[in-house]
Amino acid sequence: MELTLSRDCAIQTDLLTPDGQCLYTIFTPNKLTIKTTTITKHVLDEDGHTSQESIELARINWNPFGSSRLVYDGKIVDFSRLMPGEGMLNRYVVASQLKVRKVHKNNRVRCLAGPDGKAYKWRMGWLTSYVCTQPAKSRALTTDPRLPYTSSSSSKVQGSLSSSQECSSRASSRAGSQHS
């Protein structure tokens, strides 16, 4: 499944199918105090189109002075345990259904295993981020400093139909188009 962010802001966006149907909404109110991001899934009507109904999937309670917390499936998980941002290299962490495989020296790149059992690479840029599938034995893809962060107007979140080679070629084609 391929989903596209409607905006480059990962905490204030809709996740859209290739035909423009909104499946998920990520909403964070603009507040100066502690923020909470809500992730909702839109219910499809009988025709398979997005209805006005939605189901809350998760909440992220951001904490600027400590570990932020994810509330998902009735569980509360500290982000410092779920996806550590610093610490020893090649540290393995397991939390709920999401497993962080390795934390590389570049703390802006994470390797994850989703509930579907597939491995994913999440490359977090300063302005945008993207996720793509990754073969279990491919370490070069996750540590290659030549892969640029996406700078297009809509970031892609790649699901089970993507491959690491497609991710690599997309990143390479982006790099070529940025220098033109």
N, C-alpha and C. Protein backbone atom coordinates (compact mmCIF):
# COMPACT_ATOMS: atom_id res chain seq x y z
N MET A 1 0.85 -1.18 0.00
CA MET A 1 0.00 0.00 0.00
C MET A 1 0.89 1.24 0.00
N GLU A 2 0.57 2.19 -0.82
CA GLU A 2 1.31 3.44 -0.87
C GLU A 2 0.41 4.55 -0.37
N LEU A 3 0.90 5.29 0.62
CA LEU A 3 0.16 6.42 1.16
C LEU A 3 1.01 7.66 1.01
N THR A 4 0.38 8.78 0.72
CA THR A 4 1.08 10.04 0.54
C THR A 4 0.61 11.02 1.60
N LEU A 5 1.56 11.75 2.19
CA LEU A 5 1.21 12.81 3.13
C LEU A 5 0.63 13.98 2.34
N SER A 6 -0.45 14.57 2.83
CA SER A 6 -1.04 15.71 2.14
C SER A 6 -0.20 16.97 2.33
N ARG A 7 0.62 17.00 3.38
CA ARG A 7 1.53 18.12 3.66
C ARG A 7 2.86 17.55 4.12
N ASP A 8 3.88 18.38 4.12
CA ASP A 8 5.19 17.94 4.60
C ASP A 8 5.28 17.93 6.13
N CYS A 9 4.26 18.37 6.81
CA CYS A 9 4.26 18.38 8.27
C CYS A 9 3.69 17.05 8.76
N ALA A 10 4.55 16.20 9.32
CA ALA A 10 4.13 14.86 9.71
C ALA A 10 3.17 14.85 10.90
N ILE A 11 3.05 15.95 11.64
CA ILE A 11 2.14 15.97 12.79
C ILE A 11 0.84 16.71 12.49
N GLN A 12 0.67 17.14 11.25
CA GLN A 12 -0.54 17.85 10.84
C GLN A 12 -0.80 17.52 9.36
N THR A 13 -1.35 16.33 9.09
CA THR A 13 -1.49 15.90 7.71
C THR A 13 -2.56 14.84 7.56
N ASP A 14 -2.91 14.53 6.33
CA ASP A 14 -3.76 13.40 6.00
C ASP A 14 -2.91 12.40 5.23
N LEU A 15 -3.19 11.11 5.39
CA LEU A 15 -2.53 10.07 4.61
C LEU A 15 -3.50 9.65 3.52
N LEU A 16 -3.08 9.84 2.27
CA LEU A 16 -3.95 9.65 1.11
C LEU A 16 -3.50 8.47 0.27
N THR A 17 -4.48 7.79 -0.34
CA THR A 17 -4.18 6.73 -1.30
C THR A 17 -3.76 7.40 -2.61
N PRO A 18 -3.20 6.63 -3.57
CA PRO A 18 -2.81 7.24 -4.85
C PRO A 18 -3.95 7.94 -5.58
N ASP A 19 -5.20 7.51 -5.34
CA ASP A 19 -6.33 8.17 -6.00
C ASP A 19 -6.90 9.33 -5.17
N GLY A 20 -6.22 9.71 -4.08
CA GLY A 20 -6.61 10.88 -3.30
C GLY A 20 -7.57 10.62 -2.16
N GLN A 21 -7.90 9.37 -1.87
CA GLN A 21 -8.82 9.05 -0.79
C GLN A 21 -8.09 9.15 0.55
N CYS A 22 -8.68 9.87 1.51
CA CYS A 22 -8.08 10.06 2.83
C CYS A 22 -8.39 8.85 3.72
N LEU A 23 -7.34 8.12 4.13
CA LEU A 23 -7.54 6.97 5.01
C LEU A 23 -7.25 7.29 6.47
N TYR A 24 -6.27 8.16 6.72
CA TYR A 24 -5.88 8.50 8.08
C TYR A 24 -5.67 10.01 8.19
N THR A 25 -5.89 10.53 9.39
CA THR A 25 -5.60 11.94 9.67
C THR A 25 -4.71 12.00 10.90
N ILE A 26 -3.69 12.83 10.82
CA ILE A 26 -2.79 13.08 11.95
C ILE A 26 -2.98 14.55 12.28
N PHE A 27 -3.44 14.83 13.52
CA PHE A 27 -3.79 16.20 13.91
C PHE A 27 -3.10 16.56 15.21
N THR A 28 -2.46 17.72 15.21
CA THR A 28 -1.85 18.27 16.42
C THR A 28 -2.30 19.72 16.53
N PRO A 29 -3.01 20.07 17.62
CA PRO A 29 -3.45 21.47 17.76
C PRO A 29 -2.24 22.38 17.96
N ASN A 30 -2.34 23.59 17.43
CA ASN A 30 -1.27 24.58 17.60
C ASN A 30 -1.42 25.22 18.97
N LYS A 31 -0.67 24.72 19.93
CA LYS A 31 -0.72 25.25 21.29
C LYS A 31 0.70 25.51 21.77
N LEU A 32 0.85 26.45 22.66
CA LEU A 32 2.16 26.71 23.24
C LEU A 32 2.46 25.76 24.39
N THR A 33 1.42 25.16 24.93
CA THR A 33 1.60 24.22 26.03
C THR A 33 1.92 22.83 25.47
N ILE A 34 1.94 21.84 26.32
CA ILE A 34 2.22 20.47 25.88
C ILE A 34 1.18 20.05 24.85
N LYS A 35 1.67 19.48 23.74
CA LYS A 35 0.80 19.11 22.63
C LYS A 35 0.48 17.62 22.65
N THR A 36 -0.67 17.29 22.10
CA THR A 36 -1.06 15.90 21.90
C THR A 36 -1.45 15.71 20.44
N THR A 37 -0.80 14.76 19.78
CA THR A 37 -1.12 14.42 18.39
C THR A 37 -2.11 13.27 18.40
N THR A 38 -3.17 13.38 17.62
CA THR A 38 -4.17 12.32 17.51
C THR A 38 -4.11 11.73 16.11
N ILE A 39 -4.07 10.41 16.02
CA ILE A 39 -4.06 9.70 14.75
C ILE A 39 -5.38 8.97 14.62
N THR A 40 -6.16 9.31 13.58
CA THR A 40 -7.46 8.68 13.39
C THR A 40 -7.52 7.97 12.05
N LYS A 41 -8.32 6.91 12.01
CA LYS A 41 -8.56 6.16 10.78
C LYS A 41 -9.97 6.47 10.34
N HIS A 42 -10.12 6.81 9.07
CA HIS A 42 -11.45 7.13 8.53
C HIS A 42 -12.17 5.85 8.13
N VAL A 43 -13.44 5.78 8.48
CA VAL A 43 -14.27 4.62 8.17
C VAL A 43 -14.76 4.76 6.73
N LEU A 44 -14.72 3.65 5.99
CA LEU A 44 -15.20 3.66 4.61
C LEU A 44 -16.68 3.34 4.58
N ASP A 45 -17.42 3.99 3.68
CA ASP A 45 -18.84 3.70 3.54
C ASP A 45 -19.04 2.46 2.66
N GLU A 46 -20.30 2.15 2.35
CA GLU A 46 -20.61 0.94 1.58
C GLU A 46 -19.96 0.96 0.20
N ASP A 47 -19.75 2.15 -0.36
CA ASP A 47 -19.16 2.28 -1.70
C ASP A 47 -17.63 2.26 -1.66
N GLY A 48 -17.05 2.17 -0.46
CA GLY A 48 -15.60 2.18 -0.35
C GLY A 48 -14.99 3.57 -0.31
N HIS A 49 -15.82 4.59 -0.13
CA HIS A 49 -15.35 5.97 -0.04
C HIS A 49 -15.25 6.38 1.42
N THR A 50 -14.43 7.37 1.70
CA THR A 50 -14.26 7.87 3.06
C THR A 50 -15.54 8.52 3.56
N SER A 51 -16.00 8.09 4.74
CA SER A 51 -17.19 8.69 5.34
C SER A 51 -16.76 9.74 6.36
N GLN A 52 -17.71 10.36 7.02
CA GLN A 52 -17.41 11.36 8.04
C GLN A 52 -17.00 10.72 9.37
N GLU A 53 -17.25 9.41 9.51
CA GLU A 53 -16.88 8.71 10.74
C GLU A 53 -15.39 8.43 10.79
N SER A 54 -14.84 8.43 12.00
CA SER A 54 -13.44 8.07 12.16
C SER A 54 -13.24 7.39 13.51
N ILE A 55 -12.16 6.62 13.59
CA ILE A 55 -11.82 5.87 14.81
C ILE A 55 -10.45 6.34 15.27
N GLU A 56 -10.32 6.70 16.55
CA GLU A 56 -9.01 7.09 17.07
C GLU A 56 -8.13 5.85 17.19
N LEU A 57 -6.99 5.87 16.51
CA LEU A 57 -6.03 4.76 16.59
C LEU A 57 -5.01 4.96 17.69
N ALA A 58 -4.50 6.18 17.81
CA ALA A 58 -3.42 6.42 18.77
C ALA A 58 -3.35 7.90 19.10
N ARG A 59 -2.66 8.19 20.21
CA ARG A 59 -2.35 9.55 20.62
C ARG A 59 -0.88 9.60 21.00
N ILE A 60 -0.25 10.70 20.69
CA ILE A 60 1.12 10.93 21.12
C ILE A 60 1.09 12.15 22.03
N ASN A 61 1.48 11.95 23.28
CA ASN A 61 1.56 13.05 24.24
C ASN A 61 3.01 13.52 24.26
N TRP A 62 3.26 14.67 23.62
CA TRP A 62 4.61 15.19 23.48
C TRP A 62 5.07 15.81 24.79
N ASN A 63 6.30 15.55 25.18
CA ASN A 63 6.88 16.11 26.39
C ASN A 63 8.23 16.72 26.03
N PRO A 64 8.36 18.04 26.04
CA PRO A 64 9.62 18.67 25.64
C PRO A 64 10.76 18.45 26.65
N PHE A 65 10.43 18.03 27.87
CA PHE A 65 11.46 17.89 28.90
C PHE A 65 11.74 16.45 29.30
N GLY A 66 11.02 15.51 28.73
CA GLY A 66 11.21 14.09 29.05
C GLY A 66 10.76 13.26 27.88
N SER A 67 10.49 12.00 28.16
CA SER A 67 10.07 11.11 27.09
C SER A 67 8.60 11.34 26.74
N SER A 68 8.34 11.51 25.46
CA SER A 68 6.96 11.60 25.00
C SER A 68 6.33 10.22 25.09
N ARG A 69 5.01 10.15 25.11
CA ARG A 69 4.32 8.87 25.27
C ARG A 69 3.35 8.60 24.14
N LEU A 70 3.31 7.33 23.72
CA LEU A 70 2.38 6.86 22.71
C LEU A 70 1.29 6.08 23.42
N VAL A 71 0.03 6.43 23.17
CA VAL A 71 -1.11 5.69 23.71
C VAL A 71 -1.72 4.95 22.53
N TYR A 72 -1.61 3.61 22.55
CA TYR A 72 -2.03 2.79 21.42
C TYR A 72 -2.56 1.46 21.92
N ASP A 73 -3.72 1.06 21.44
CA ASP A 73 -4.28 -0.24 21.77
C ASP A 73 -4.37 -0.46 23.29
N GLY A 74 -4.75 0.61 24.01
CA GLY A 74 -4.92 0.51 25.45
C GLY A 74 -3.62 0.49 26.24
N LYS A 75 -2.49 0.67 25.57
CA LYS A 75 -1.19 0.66 26.25
C LYS A 75 -0.55 2.04 26.16
N ILE A 76 0.26 2.37 27.16
CA ILE A 76 1.03 3.61 27.15
C ILE A 76 2.50 3.22 27.08
N VAL A 77 3.19 3.73 26.05
CA VAL A 77 4.59 3.37 25.84
C VAL A 77 5.42 4.65 25.75
N ASP A 78 6.52 4.71 26.50
CA ASP A 78 7.44 5.83 26.39
C ASP A 78 8.19 5.74 25.08
N PHE A 79 8.29 6.87 24.36
CA PHE A 79 9.03 6.88 23.11
C PHE A 79 10.50 6.55 23.33
N SER A 80 11.04 6.89 24.49
CA SER A 80 12.45 6.58 24.75
C SER A 80 12.69 5.08 24.73
N ARG A 81 11.67 4.29 25.01
CA ARG A 81 11.80 2.83 24.92
C ARG A 81 11.40 2.32 23.55
N LEU A 82 10.39 2.93 22.96
CA LEU A 82 9.88 2.48 21.67
C LEU A 82 10.86 2.77 20.54
N MET A 83 11.35 4.00 20.47
CA MET A 83 12.28 4.42 19.42
C MET A 83 13.32 5.34 20.03
N PRO A 84 14.34 4.78 20.64
CA PRO A 84 15.33 5.62 21.33
C PRO A 84 16.02 6.57 20.37
N GLY A 85 16.20 7.80 20.79
CA GLY A 85 16.84 8.80 19.96
C GLY A 85 18.33 8.91 20.21
N GLU A 86 18.81 8.34 21.27
CA GLU A 86 20.24 8.34 21.54
C GLU A 86 20.56 7.12 22.36
N GLY A 87 21.81 6.81 22.49
CA GLY A 87 22.20 5.63 23.25
C GLY A 87 23.27 4.86 22.52
N MET A 88 23.51 3.65 22.96
CA MET A 88 24.56 2.82 22.38
C MET A 88 24.18 2.39 20.97
N LEU A 89 25.20 2.14 20.15
CA LEU A 89 24.97 1.67 18.78
C LEU A 89 24.41 0.26 18.80
N ASN A 90 23.62 -0.04 17.76
CA ASN A 90 23.05 -1.38 17.57
C ASN A 90 22.30 -1.90 18.79
N ARG A 91 21.57 -1.02 19.44
CA ARG A 91 20.77 -1.36 20.60
C ARG A 91 19.44 -1.93 20.13
N TYR A 92 19.02 -3.05 20.68
CA TYR A 92 17.76 -3.67 20.28
C TYR A 92 16.69 -3.34 21.31
N VAL A 93 15.52 -2.96 20.83
CA VAL A 93 14.42 -2.58 21.70
C VAL A 93 13.15 -3.22 21.18
N VAL A 94 12.32 -3.74 22.07
CA VAL A 94 11.03 -4.29 21.67
C VAL A 94 9.96 -3.58 22.48
N ALA A 95 8.93 -3.09 21.80
CA ALA A 95 7.84 -2.44 22.50
C ALA A 95 6.54 -2.70 21.75
N SER A 96 5.57 -3.28 22.44
CA SER A 96 4.26 -3.58 21.86
C SER A 96 4.44 -4.36 20.56
N GLN A 97 3.82 -3.93 19.46
CA GLN A 97 3.91 -4.65 18.20
C GLN A 97 4.98 -4.06 17.29
N LEU A 98 5.63 -2.99 17.69
CA LEU A 98 6.64 -2.34 16.86
C LEU A 98 8.01 -2.64 17.43
N LYS A 99 8.92 -3.15 16.62
CA LYS A 99 10.25 -3.51 17.09
C LYS A 99 11.28 -2.63 16.41
N VAL A 100 12.10 -1.97 17.19
CA VAL A 100 13.20 -1.21 16.62
C VAL A 100 14.34 -2.20 16.47
N ARG A 101 14.75 -2.46 15.25
CA ARG A 101 15.79 -3.45 14.99
C ARG A 101 17.16 -2.95 15.41
N LYS A 102 17.56 -1.80 14.92
CA LYS A 102 18.87 -1.25 15.29
C LYS A 102 18.78 0.26 15.28
N VAL A 103 19.49 0.87 16.18
CA VAL A 103 19.64 2.32 16.16
C VAL A 103 21.04 2.57 15.64
N HIS A 104 21.16 3.19 14.50
CA HIS A 104 22.46 3.42 13.89
C HIS A 104 23.09 4.69 14.45
N LYS A 105 24.37 4.90 14.11
CA LYS A 105 25.06 6.08 14.61
C LYS A 105 24.36 7.36 14.17
N ASN A 106 23.67 7.31 13.04
CA ASN A 106 22.87 8.44 12.60
C ASN A 106 21.49 8.28 13.25
N ASN A 107 21.22 9.03 14.30
CA ASN A 107 19.97 8.87 15.04
C ASN A 107 18.75 9.34 14.26
N ARG A 108 18.93 9.84 13.03
CA ARG A 108 17.81 10.27 12.21
C ARG A 108 17.35 9.13 11.29
N VAL A 109 17.95 7.94 11.41
CA VAL A 109 17.57 6.78 10.61
C VAL A 109 17.24 5.65 11.57
N ARG A 110 16.08 5.05 11.41
CA ARG A 110 15.66 3.95 12.28
C ARG A 110 15.25 2.77 11.42
N CYS A 111 15.52 1.57 11.91
CA CYS A 111 15.06 0.35 11.26
C CYS A 111 13.97 -0.24 12.14
N LEU A 112 12.83 -0.51 11.56
CA LEU A 112 11.67 -0.97 12.32
C LEU A 112 11.11 -2.24 11.72
N ALA A 113 10.42 -3.02 12.54
CA ALA A 113 9.62 -4.14 12.04
C ALA A 113 8.19 -3.85 12.45
N GLY A 114 7.31 -3.75 11.47
CA GLY A 114 5.91 -3.43 11.74
C GLY A 114 5.12 -4.64 12.16
N PRO A 115 3.86 -4.45 12.54
CA PRO A 115 3.00 -5.57 12.94
C PRO A 115 2.81 -6.59 11.83
N ASP A 116 3.06 -6.18 10.56
CA ASP A 116 2.95 -7.11 9.44
C ASP A 116 4.19 -7.97 9.28
N GLY A 117 5.20 -7.78 10.15
CA GLY A 117 6.42 -8.58 10.10
C GLY A 117 7.44 -8.08 9.10
N LYS A 118 7.12 -7.04 8.34
CA LYS A 118 8.06 -6.50 7.35
C LYS A 118 9.01 -5.51 8.00
N ALA A 119 10.22 -5.43 7.45
CA ALA A 119 11.21 -4.47 7.94
C ALA A 119 11.04 -3.15 7.19
N TYR A 120 11.16 -2.04 7.92
CA TYR A 120 11.02 -0.71 7.33
C TYR A 120 12.21 0.15 7.74
N LYS A 121 12.54 1.09 6.89
CA LYS A 121 13.55 2.10 7.21
C LYS A 121 12.83 3.43 7.29
N TRP A 122 13.04 4.16 8.38
CA TRP A 122 12.45 5.47 8.54
C TRP A 122 13.59 6.47 8.56
N ARG A 123 13.66 7.32 7.54
CA ARG A 123 14.70 8.35 7.46
C ARG A 123 14.02 9.67 7.79
N MET A 124 14.44 10.26 8.92
CA MET A 124 13.82 11.49 9.39
C MET A 124 14.67 12.69 8.99
N GLY A 125 14.14 13.52 8.12
CA GLY A 125 14.84 14.73 7.69
C GLY A 125 14.47 15.89 8.58
N TRP A 126 15.18 16.98 8.42
CA TRP A 126 14.87 18.16 9.22
C TRP A 126 13.57 18.81 8.75
N LEU A 127 13.28 18.68 7.45
CA LEU A 127 12.06 19.28 6.92
C LEU A 127 11.02 18.23 6.58
N THR A 128 11.43 17.08 6.09
CA THR A 128 10.51 16.02 5.71
C THR A 128 11.09 14.67 6.08
N SER A 129 10.26 13.64 6.04
CA SER A 129 10.67 12.29 6.37
C SER A 129 10.05 11.33 5.37
N TYR A 130 10.64 10.13 5.26
CA TYR A 130 9.99 9.10 4.47
C TYR A 130 10.30 7.73 5.04
N VAL A 131 9.43 6.78 4.71
CA VAL A 131 9.55 5.40 5.18
C VAL A 131 9.51 4.51 3.96
N CYS A 132 10.34 3.47 3.94
CA CYS A 132 10.27 2.50 2.85
C CYS A 132 10.60 1.12 3.41
N THR A 133 10.18 0.08 2.69
CA THR A 133 10.49 -1.27 3.13
C THR A 133 11.95 -1.54 2.88
N GLN A 134 12.46 -2.50 3.61
CA GLN A 134 13.88 -2.81 3.54
C GLN A 134 14.06 -4.31 3.69
N PRO A 135 14.90 -4.94 2.86
CA PRO A 135 15.17 -6.36 3.06
C PRO A 135 15.94 -6.55 4.35
N ALA A 136 15.71 -7.66 5.01
CA ALA A 136 16.30 -7.90 6.32
C ALA A 136 17.83 -7.84 6.31
N LYS A 137 18.48 -8.27 5.21
CA LYS A 137 19.94 -8.33 5.19
C LYS A 137 20.59 -7.08 4.63
N SER A 138 19.82 -6.08 4.23
CA SER A 138 20.41 -4.89 3.61
C SER A 138 20.75 -3.84 4.65
N ARG A 139 22.04 -3.73 4.98
CA ARG A 139 22.45 -2.69 5.92
C ARG A 139 22.90 -1.45 5.18
N ALA A 140 23.37 -1.64 3.94
CA ALA A 140 23.86 -0.49 3.17
C ALA A 140 22.77 0.54 2.94
N LEU A 141 21.55 0.08 2.73
CA LEU A 141 20.45 1.00 2.47
C LEU A 141 20.19 1.91 3.66
N THR A 142 20.33 1.38 4.86
CA THR A 142 19.99 2.17 6.04
C THR A 142 21.10 3.09 6.48
N THR A 143 22.33 2.84 6.04
CA THR A 143 23.43 3.67 6.51
C THR A 143 24.07 4.49 5.41
N ASP A 144 23.55 4.43 4.19
CA ASP A 144 24.13 5.13 3.06
C ASP A 144 23.90 6.64 3.20
N PRO A 145 24.96 7.43 3.47
CA PRO A 145 24.77 8.87 3.67
C PRO A 145 24.43 9.61 2.39
N ARG A 146 24.60 8.95 1.22
CA ARG A 146 24.31 9.61 -0.04
C ARG A 146 22.82 9.70 -0.33
N LEU A 147 22.00 8.90 0.37
CA LEU A 147 20.56 8.96 0.12
C LEU A 147 20.02 10.26 0.71
N PRO A 148 19.46 11.13 -0.13
CA PRO A 148 18.98 12.42 0.37
C PRO A 148 17.64 12.28 1.06
N TYR A 149 17.36 13.27 1.90
CA TYR A 149 16.01 13.36 2.46
C TYR A 149 15.11 13.84 1.35
N THR A 150 13.86 13.43 1.39
CA THR A 150 12.94 13.87 0.35
C THR A 150 12.67 15.36 0.49
N SER A 151 12.57 16.03 -0.62
CA SER A 151 12.28 17.47 -0.56
C SER A 151 11.12 17.83 -1.48
N SER A 152 10.39 16.82 -1.90
CA SER A 152 9.24 17.09 -2.75
C SER A 152 8.10 17.65 -1.91
N SER A 153 7.06 18.14 -2.56
CA SER A 153 5.98 18.76 -1.81
C SER A 153 5.12 17.75 -1.07
N SER A 154 5.19 16.49 -1.44
CA SER A 154 4.44 15.48 -0.68
C SER A 154 5.34 14.28 -0.43
N SER A 155 5.54 13.96 0.85
CA SER A 155 6.40 12.84 1.21
C SER A 155 5.62 11.55 1.05
N LYS A 156 6.30 10.47 0.73
CA LYS A 156 5.62 9.19 0.55
C LYS A 156 5.91 8.28 1.71
N VAL A 157 4.90 7.54 2.12
CA VAL A 157 5.05 6.48 3.10
C VAL A 157 4.82 5.20 2.34
N GLN A 158 5.85 4.39 2.17
CA GLN A 158 5.74 3.20 1.34
C GLN A 158 5.37 2.00 2.20
N GLY A 159 4.47 1.20 1.72
CA GLY A 159 4.03 0.01 2.45
C GLY A 159 4.50 -1.25 1.79
N SER A 160 3.70 -2.30 1.85
CA SER A 160 4.13 -3.63 1.46
C SER A 160 4.43 -3.78 -0.02
N LEU A 161 4.01 -2.88 -0.89
CA LEU A 161 4.26 -3.04 -2.32
C LEU A 161 5.60 -2.45 -2.75
N SER A 162 6.27 -1.75 -1.85
CA SER A 162 7.53 -1.12 -2.20
C SER A 162 8.69 -2.06 -1.93
N SER A 163 9.82 -1.80 -2.54
CA SER A 163 11.02 -2.58 -2.24
C SER A 163 12.16 -1.61 -1.99
N SER A 164 13.23 -2.11 -1.39
CA SER A 164 14.35 -1.23 -1.09
C SER A 164 14.97 -0.70 -2.37
N GLN A 165 14.97 -1.49 -3.45
CA GLN A 165 15.53 -1.00 -4.70
C GLN A 165 14.70 0.18 -5.22
N GLU A 166 13.36 0.09 -5.11
CA GLU A 166 12.52 1.20 -5.53
C GLU A 166 12.81 2.43 -4.69
N CYS A 167 13.00 2.22 -3.38
CA CYS A 167 13.31 3.33 -2.48
C CYS A 167 14.61 3.98 -2.90
N SER A 168 15.63 3.16 -3.16
CA SER A 168 16.93 3.67 -3.57
C SER A 168 16.82 4.44 -4.87
N SER A 169 16.11 3.89 -5.85
CA SER A 169 16.03 4.56 -7.14
C SER A 169 15.23 5.86 -7.03
N ARG A 170 14.18 5.88 -6.18
CA ARG A 170 13.43 7.12 -5.99
C ARG A 170 14.32 8.18 -5.36
N ALA A 171 15.10 7.77 -4.35
CA ALA A 171 15.99 8.72 -3.68
C ALA A 171 17.04 9.23 -4.67
N SER A 172 17.58 8.35 -5.51
CA SER A 172 18.58 8.76 -6.50
C SER A 172 17.96 9.71 -7.52
N SER A 173 16.74 9.41 -7.98
CA SER A 173 16.10 10.28 -8.96
C SER A 173 15.78 11.64 -8.34
N ARG A 174 15.44 11.66 -7.05
CA ARG A 174 15.21 12.94 -6.37
C ARG A 174 16.49 13.75 -6.34
N ALA A 175 17.61 13.07 -6.03
CA ALA A 175 18.88 13.77 -5.95
C ALA A 175 19.22 14.38 -7.29
N GLY A 176 18.98 13.63 -8.38
CA GLY A 176 19.25 14.14 -9.72
C GLY A 176 18.38 15.33 -10.06
N SER A 177 17.11 15.27 -9.69
CA SER A 177 16.19 16.37 -10.02
C SER A 177 16.46 17.60 -9.17
N GLN A 178 17.03 17.43 -7.97
CA GLN A 178 17.32 18.57 -7.11
C GLN A 178 18.51 19.37 -7.64
N HIS A 179 19.43 18.68 -8.34
CA HIS A 179 20.62 19.37 -8.84
C HIS A 179 20.40 19.97 -10.22
N SER A 180 19.25 19.72 -10.84
CA SER A 180 18.99 20.23 -12.20
C SER A 180 18.57 21.67 -12.16
